[in-house]
Amino acid sequence: MNVIVDYDACEANGVCEGFAPDIFHLDEEDQLHVLAQPDEDSADRVRQAVRACPKVALSLTETAAESPDDR
């Protein structure tokens, strides 16, 4: 799973940071930063953050697991 941010739509409301402060961070200039991509432990909180974004500026992509042939 990867977080996608539409920075044109983001208004730095901080809702996402409230759900997952280990993933989302608003700096002093109200710029959103994705600190890390979600892992199994944070996936549910990140999904909640995406659904709660008031400007629909966040989305998720599901990534396929790497197969042994891809290495």
Protein backbone atom coordinates (compact mmCIF):
# COMPACT_ATOMS: atom_id res chain seq x y z
CA MET A 1 0.00 0.00 0.00
CA ASN A 2 1.26 3.45 -0.92
CA VAL A 3 -0.10 6.87 0.07
CA ILE A 4 -0.70 9.37 -2.73
CA VAL A 5 -1.14 13.06 -1.85
CA ASP A 6 -2.79 15.56 -4.17
CA TYR A 7 -0.85 18.59 -2.94
CA ASP A 8 -3.04 20.93 -5.02
CA ALA A 9 -6.11 19.78 -3.07
CA CYS A 10 -4.48 19.49 0.37
CA GLU A 11 -5.34 22.37 2.70
CA ALA A 12 -3.22 21.10 5.61
CA ASN A 13 -6.19 20.50 7.89
CA GLY A 14 -4.18 17.91 9.82
CA VAL A 15 -6.94 15.32 10.01
CA CYS A 16 -4.62 12.68 8.58
CA GLU A 17 -1.92 13.47 11.10
CA GLY A 18 -4.45 12.97 13.88
CA PHE A 19 -5.16 9.43 12.68
CA ALA A 20 -1.58 8.43 11.85
CA PRO A 21 1.11 10.80 13.17
CA ASP A 22 3.77 8.19 12.41
CA ILE A 23 2.84 8.42 8.71
CA PHE A 24 1.68 12.03 8.18
CA HIS A 25 3.33 15.23 9.40
CA LEU A 26 2.45 18.89 8.87
CA ASP A 27 5.51 21.11 9.13
CA GLU A 28 5.68 24.71 10.37
CA GLU A 29 4.73 25.96 6.90
CA ASP A 30 1.63 23.72 6.75
CA GLN A 31 3.18 21.40 4.18
CA LEU A 32 2.12 17.77 4.45
CA HIS A 33 4.86 15.16 4.49
CA VAL A 34 4.44 11.41 4.21
CA LEU A 35 7.03 10.11 6.68
CA ALA A 36 6.70 6.46 5.72
CA GLN A 37 4.51 4.21 3.67
CA PRO A 38 1.97 2.23 5.70
CA ASP A 39 2.89 -1.16 7.03
CA GLU A 40 0.57 -3.83 8.37
CA ASP A 41 0.36 -2.14 11.79
CA SER A 42 -0.62 1.29 10.43
CA ALA A 43 -2.74 0.26 7.42
CA ASP A 44 -6.13 0.57 9.16
CA ARG A 45 -5.32 4.00 10.62
CA VAL A 46 -4.09 5.22 7.23
CA ARG A 47 -7.27 4.01 5.54
CA GLN A 48 -9.27 5.95 8.15
CA ALA A 49 -7.15 9.04 7.50
CA VAL A 50 -7.75 8.78 3.76
CA ARG A 51 -11.52 8.42 4.26
CA ALA A 52 -11.59 11.34 6.72
CA CYS A 53 -9.65 13.84 4.58
CA PRO A 54 -12.05 16.79 4.15
CA LYS A 55 -10.54 17.76 0.77
CA VAL A 56 -10.19 14.19 -0.58
CA ALA A 57 -6.51 14.93 -1.10
CA LEU A 58 -5.32 11.46 -0.08
CA SER A 59 -5.61 8.16 -1.86
CA LEU A 60 -4.06 4.72 -1.62
CA THR A 61 -2.65 2.38 -4.18
CA GLU A 62 -2.26 -1.29 -3.55
CA THR A 63 1.04 -2.71 -4.67
CA ALA A 64 1.47 -6.29 -5.73
CA ALA A 65 3.84 -8.42 -3.74
CA GLU A 66 7.12 -9.07 -5.42
CA SER A 67 7.40 -12.55 -6.81
CA PRO A 68 10.67 -14.51 -6.60
CA ASP A 69 11.02 -14.19 -10.40
CA ASP A 70 11.10 -10.35 -10.11
CA ARG A 71 14.34 -10.34 -8.10
